[in-house]
Amino acid sequence: MSEPARAPSDNLQVDAELDLRGVICPYNFVKTKLKLESLQAGQILSVILDEGDPIRNVPRSVSDDGHAVLKQEQLTGAYRVTIRKRAAS
């Protein structure tokens, strides 16, 4: 696997990235949740989501699960959501 990507316009080290453009709800949340489960506490996941329901629902759902949504940035026709995995419970 290549070096982790850096989230644009900040110093956050992104540990993993998912491109979920074209993935419908609720599958985009399920895929995000599964990826977060594979990460260690405190690691950062960058997820690219479509406009509409995905950008409305996925950040809210991961936040409800206790993860921190660090930022959302608009891309061309999509959004990048940067998420820090919650501490182990």
N, C-alpha and C. Protein backbone atom coordinates (compact mmCIF):
# COMPACT_ATOMS: atom_id res chain seq x y z
N MET A 1 0.85 -1.19 0.00
CA MET A 1 0.00 0.00 0.00
C MET A 1 0.89 1.23 0.00
N SER A 2 0.46 2.27 -0.68
CA SER A 2 1.25 3.49 -0.76
C SER A 2 1.13 4.30 0.52
N GLU A 3 1.93 5.35 0.60
CA GLU A 3 1.90 6.22 1.77
C GLU A 3 0.52 6.82 1.95
N PRO A 4 0.08 7.04 3.21
CA PRO A 4 -1.23 7.65 3.42
C PRO A 4 -1.30 9.04 2.79
N ALA A 5 -2.45 9.35 2.23
CA ALA A 5 -2.66 10.65 1.62
C ALA A 5 -2.83 11.71 2.70
N ARG A 6 -2.49 12.93 2.36
CA ARG A 6 -2.74 14.04 3.27
C ARG A 6 -4.01 14.74 2.84
N ALA A 7 -4.86 15.01 3.82
CA ALA A 7 -6.08 15.75 3.50
C ALA A 7 -5.69 17.13 3.03
N PRO A 8 -6.32 17.63 2.00
CA PRO A 8 -5.97 18.94 1.47
C PRO A 8 -6.16 20.07 2.49
N SER A 9 -5.33 21.06 2.38
CA SER A 9 -5.44 22.33 3.09
C SER A 9 -5.33 22.22 4.61
N ASP A 10 -4.66 21.20 5.11
CA ASP A 10 -4.40 21.12 6.54
C ASP A 10 -3.26 20.15 6.81
N ASN A 11 -2.97 19.93 8.07
CA ASN A 11 -1.86 19.06 8.43
C ASN A 11 -2.32 17.70 8.93
N LEU A 12 -3.56 17.34 8.70
CA LEU A 12 -4.06 16.05 9.16
C LEU A 12 -3.45 14.92 8.34
N GLN A 13 -2.94 13.92 9.01
CA GLN A 13 -2.44 12.73 8.33
C GLN A 13 -3.61 11.76 8.18
N VAL A 14 -3.99 11.50 6.95
CA VAL A 14 -5.10 10.61 6.67
C VAL A 14 -4.55 9.18 6.60
N ASP A 15 -5.15 8.29 7.38
CA ASP A 15 -4.69 6.90 7.44
C ASP A 15 -5.35 6.01 6.40
N ALA A 16 -6.55 6.38 5.96
CA ALA A 16 -7.26 5.59 4.96
C ALA A 16 -8.24 6.49 4.23
N GLU A 17 -8.59 6.10 3.02
CA GLU A 17 -9.55 6.88 2.23
C GLU A 17 -10.51 5.94 1.52
N LEU A 18 -11.76 6.35 1.47
CA LEU A 18 -12.80 5.64 0.72
C LEU A 18 -13.41 6.60 -0.28
N ASP A 19 -13.55 6.16 -1.51
CA ASP A 19 -14.26 6.94 -2.52
C ASP A 19 -15.60 6.24 -2.73
N LEU A 20 -16.65 6.83 -2.18
CA LEU A 20 -17.97 6.21 -2.23
C LEU A 20 -18.92 6.95 -3.18
N ARG A 21 -18.38 7.65 -4.14
CA ARG A 21 -19.23 8.29 -5.14
C ARG A 21 -19.98 7.20 -5.89
N GLY A 22 -21.28 7.40 -6.05
CA GLY A 22 -22.10 6.43 -6.76
C GLY A 22 -22.66 5.33 -5.86
N VAL A 23 -22.26 5.31 -4.59
CA VAL A 23 -22.78 4.31 -3.64
C VAL A 23 -23.98 4.91 -2.93
N ILE A 24 -25.10 4.20 -2.96
CA ILE A 24 -26.33 4.74 -2.39
C ILE A 24 -26.45 4.47 -0.89
N CYS A 25 -27.30 5.27 -0.24
CA CYS A 25 -27.61 5.05 1.18
C CYS A 25 -28.43 3.78 1.30
N PRO A 26 -28.27 2.99 2.29
CA PRO A 26 -27.37 3.14 3.44
C PRO A 26 -26.02 2.48 3.23
N TYR A 27 -25.73 1.99 2.00
CA TYR A 27 -24.48 1.25 1.78
C TYR A 27 -23.24 2.11 1.99
N ASN A 28 -23.35 3.41 1.69
CA ASN A 28 -22.17 4.27 1.91
C ASN A 28 -21.85 4.37 3.41
N PHE A 29 -22.87 4.41 4.26
CA PHE A 29 -22.61 4.43 5.71
C PHE A 29 -22.06 3.08 6.17
N VAL A 30 -22.62 1.99 5.67
CA VAL A 30 -22.15 0.65 6.06
C VAL A 30 -20.67 0.49 5.69
N LYS A 31 -20.30 0.90 4.48
CA LYS A 31 -18.90 0.79 4.05
C LYS A 31 -17.99 1.68 4.90
N THR A 32 -18.48 2.89 5.25
CA THR A 32 -17.71 3.79 6.11
C THR A 32 -17.53 3.16 7.49
N LYS A 33 -18.59 2.61 8.04
CA LYS A 33 -18.54 2.00 9.37
C LYS A 33 -17.57 0.81 9.39
N LEU A 34 -17.63 -0.03 8.37
CA LEU A 34 -16.73 -1.18 8.29
C LEU A 34 -15.27 -0.74 8.20
N LYS A 35 -15.02 0.30 7.43
CA LYS A 35 -13.65 0.80 7.31
C LYS A 35 -13.18 1.37 8.64
N LEU A 36 -14.03 2.13 9.33
CA LEU A 36 -13.68 2.66 10.64
C LEU A 36 -13.37 1.53 11.63
N GLU A 37 -14.11 0.43 11.55
CA GLU A 37 -13.87 -0.70 12.44
C GLU A 37 -12.49 -1.31 12.22
N SER A 38 -11.96 -1.19 11.01
CA SER A 38 -10.64 -1.76 10.71
C SER A 38 -9.49 -0.84 11.14
N LEU A 39 -9.82 0.40 11.52
CA LEU A 39 -8.79 1.35 11.94
C LEU A 39 -8.60 1.30 13.45
N GLN A 40 -7.46 1.81 13.90
CA GLN A 40 -7.21 1.93 15.33
C GLN A 40 -7.80 3.24 15.84
N ALA A 41 -8.10 3.29 17.14
CA ALA A 41 -8.63 4.50 17.75
C ALA A 41 -7.72 5.68 17.44
N GLY A 42 -8.33 6.79 17.05
CA GLY A 42 -7.59 8.01 16.76
C GLY A 42 -7.12 8.14 15.32
N GLN A 43 -7.20 7.07 14.54
CA GLN A 43 -6.79 7.18 13.15
C GLN A 43 -7.83 7.97 12.36
N ILE A 44 -7.42 8.47 11.21
CA ILE A 44 -8.26 9.37 10.42
C ILE A 44 -8.63 8.72 9.09
N LEU A 45 -9.93 8.80 8.79
CA LEU A 45 -10.49 8.28 7.55
C LEU A 45 -11.03 9.44 6.73
N SER A 46 -10.70 9.47 5.46
CA SER A 46 -11.25 10.45 4.54
C SER A 46 -12.23 9.72 3.63
N VAL A 47 -13.46 10.24 3.53
CA VAL A 47 -14.50 9.60 2.72
C VAL A 47 -15.03 10.61 1.71
N ILE A 48 -15.11 10.18 0.47
CA ILE A 48 -15.67 11.04 -0.58
C ILE A 48 -17.09 10.56 -0.85
N LEU A 49 -18.02 11.49 -0.71
CA LEU A 49 -19.45 11.19 -0.82
C LEU A 49 -20.12 12.07 -1.85
N ASP A 50 -21.21 11.56 -2.40
CA ASP A 50 -22.02 12.35 -3.32
C ASP A 50 -22.82 13.40 -2.56
N GLU A 51 -23.31 14.39 -3.31
CA GLU A 51 -24.21 15.39 -2.76
C GLU A 51 -25.54 14.72 -2.40
N GLY A 52 -26.37 15.43 -1.67
CA GLY A 52 -27.70 14.92 -1.34
C GLY A 52 -27.69 14.07 -0.08
N ASP A 53 -28.42 12.96 -0.11
CA ASP A 53 -28.56 12.11 1.07
C ASP A 53 -27.21 11.65 1.64
N PRO A 54 -26.24 11.23 0.82
CA PRO A 54 -24.98 10.77 1.41
C PRO A 54 -24.30 11.81 2.30
N ILE A 55 -24.18 13.04 1.84
CA ILE A 55 -23.48 14.05 2.65
C ILE A 55 -24.34 14.49 3.83
N ARG A 56 -25.63 14.34 3.74
CA ARG A 56 -26.49 14.66 4.89
C ARG A 56 -26.46 13.55 5.94
N ASN A 57 -26.47 12.30 5.50
CA ASN A 57 -26.66 11.17 6.41
C ASN A 57 -25.38 10.57 6.99
N VAL A 58 -24.34 10.40 6.17
CA VAL A 58 -23.14 9.70 6.65
C VAL A 58 -22.44 10.47 7.78
N PRO A 59 -22.17 11.78 7.64
CA PRO A 59 -21.52 12.47 8.77
C PRO A 59 -22.34 12.41 10.06
N ARG A 60 -23.64 12.54 9.95
CA ARG A 60 -24.50 12.47 11.13
C ARG A 60 -24.43 11.08 11.76
N SER A 61 -24.47 10.06 10.94
CA SER A 61 -24.45 8.68 11.45
C SER A 61 -23.13 8.33 12.11
N VAL A 62 -22.00 8.73 11.52
CA VAL A 62 -20.71 8.41 12.16
C VAL A 62 -20.55 9.20 13.45
N SER A 63 -21.07 10.42 13.46
CA SER A 63 -21.04 11.22 14.69
C SER A 63 -21.89 10.58 15.77
N ASP A 64 -23.06 10.08 15.40
CA ASP A 64 -23.94 9.37 16.34
C ASP A 64 -23.26 8.13 16.90
N ASP A 65 -22.34 7.53 16.12
CA ASP A 65 -21.59 6.35 16.57
C ASP A 65 -20.40 6.73 17.45
N GLY A 66 -20.20 8.03 17.68
CA GLY A 66 -19.14 8.47 18.58
C GLY A 66 -17.84 8.89 17.92
N HIS A 67 -17.80 8.88 16.59
CA HIS A 67 -16.60 9.32 15.88
C HIS A 67 -16.66 10.83 15.69
N ALA A 68 -15.50 11.45 15.49
CA ALA A 68 -15.44 12.90 15.32
C ALA A 68 -15.36 13.25 13.84
N VAL A 69 -16.32 14.03 13.36
CA VAL A 69 -16.25 14.57 12.01
C VAL A 69 -15.39 15.82 12.10
N LEU A 70 -14.17 15.74 11.58
CA LEU A 70 -13.22 16.84 11.70
C LEU A 70 -13.51 17.96 10.73
N LYS A 71 -13.94 17.58 9.51
CA LYS A 71 -14.29 18.61 8.54
C LYS A 71 -15.00 18.00 7.35
N GLN A 72 -15.68 18.89 6.63
CA GLN A 72 -16.33 18.54 5.38
C GLN A 72 -15.92 19.59 4.37
N GLU A 73 -15.49 19.15 3.22
CA GLU A 73 -15.13 20.12 2.18
C GLU A 73 -15.76 19.73 0.87
N GLN A 74 -16.23 20.74 0.17
CA GLN A 74 -16.90 20.51 -1.11
C GLN A 74 -15.86 20.30 -2.20
N LEU A 75 -16.07 19.28 -3.00
CA LEU A 75 -15.28 19.01 -4.19
C LEU A 75 -16.19 19.27 -5.38
N THR A 76 -15.73 18.97 -6.57
CA THR A 76 -16.58 19.13 -7.74
C THR A 76 -17.58 17.98 -7.78
N GLY A 77 -18.84 18.28 -7.48
CA GLY A 77 -19.90 17.28 -7.52
C GLY A 77 -19.88 16.27 -6.39
N ALA A 78 -19.07 16.51 -5.37
CA ALA A 78 -18.97 15.57 -4.25
C ALA A 78 -18.45 16.31 -3.02
N TYR A 79 -18.28 15.59 -1.93
CA TYR A 79 -17.75 16.15 -0.69
C TYR A 79 -16.72 15.19 -0.11
N ARG A 80 -15.71 15.75 0.55
CA ARG A 80 -14.75 14.96 1.30
C ARG A 80 -15.05 15.18 2.79
N VAL A 81 -15.26 14.09 3.52
CA VAL A 81 -15.53 14.14 4.95
C VAL A 81 -14.33 13.49 5.66
N THR A 82 -13.76 14.20 6.60
CA THR A 82 -12.61 13.69 7.34
C THR A 82 -13.07 13.32 8.74
N ILE A 83 -12.83 12.06 9.12
CA ILE A 83 -13.37 11.48 10.35
C ILE A 83 -12.24 10.92 11.19
N ARG A 84 -12.25 11.22 12.51
CA ARG A 84 -11.31 10.59 13.44
C ARG A 84 -12.05 9.49 14.18
N LYS A 85 -11.48 8.27 14.14
CA LYS A 85 -12.12 7.15 14.84
C LYS A 85 -12.11 7.39 16.35
N ARG A 86 -13.23 7.08 16.99
CA ARG A 86 -13.38 7.27 18.43
C ARG A 86 -12.40 6.38 19.19
N ALA A 87 -12.17 6.77 20.43
CA ALA A 87 -11.35 5.97 21.32
C ALA A 87 -12.07 4.66 21.60
N ALA A 88 -11.31 3.64 21.84
CA ALA A 88 -11.90 2.32 22.14
C ALA A 88 -12.78 2.42 23.38
N SER A 89 -13.89 1.69 23.37
CA SER A 89 -14.80 1.74 24.51
C SER A 89 -14.63 0.54 25.42
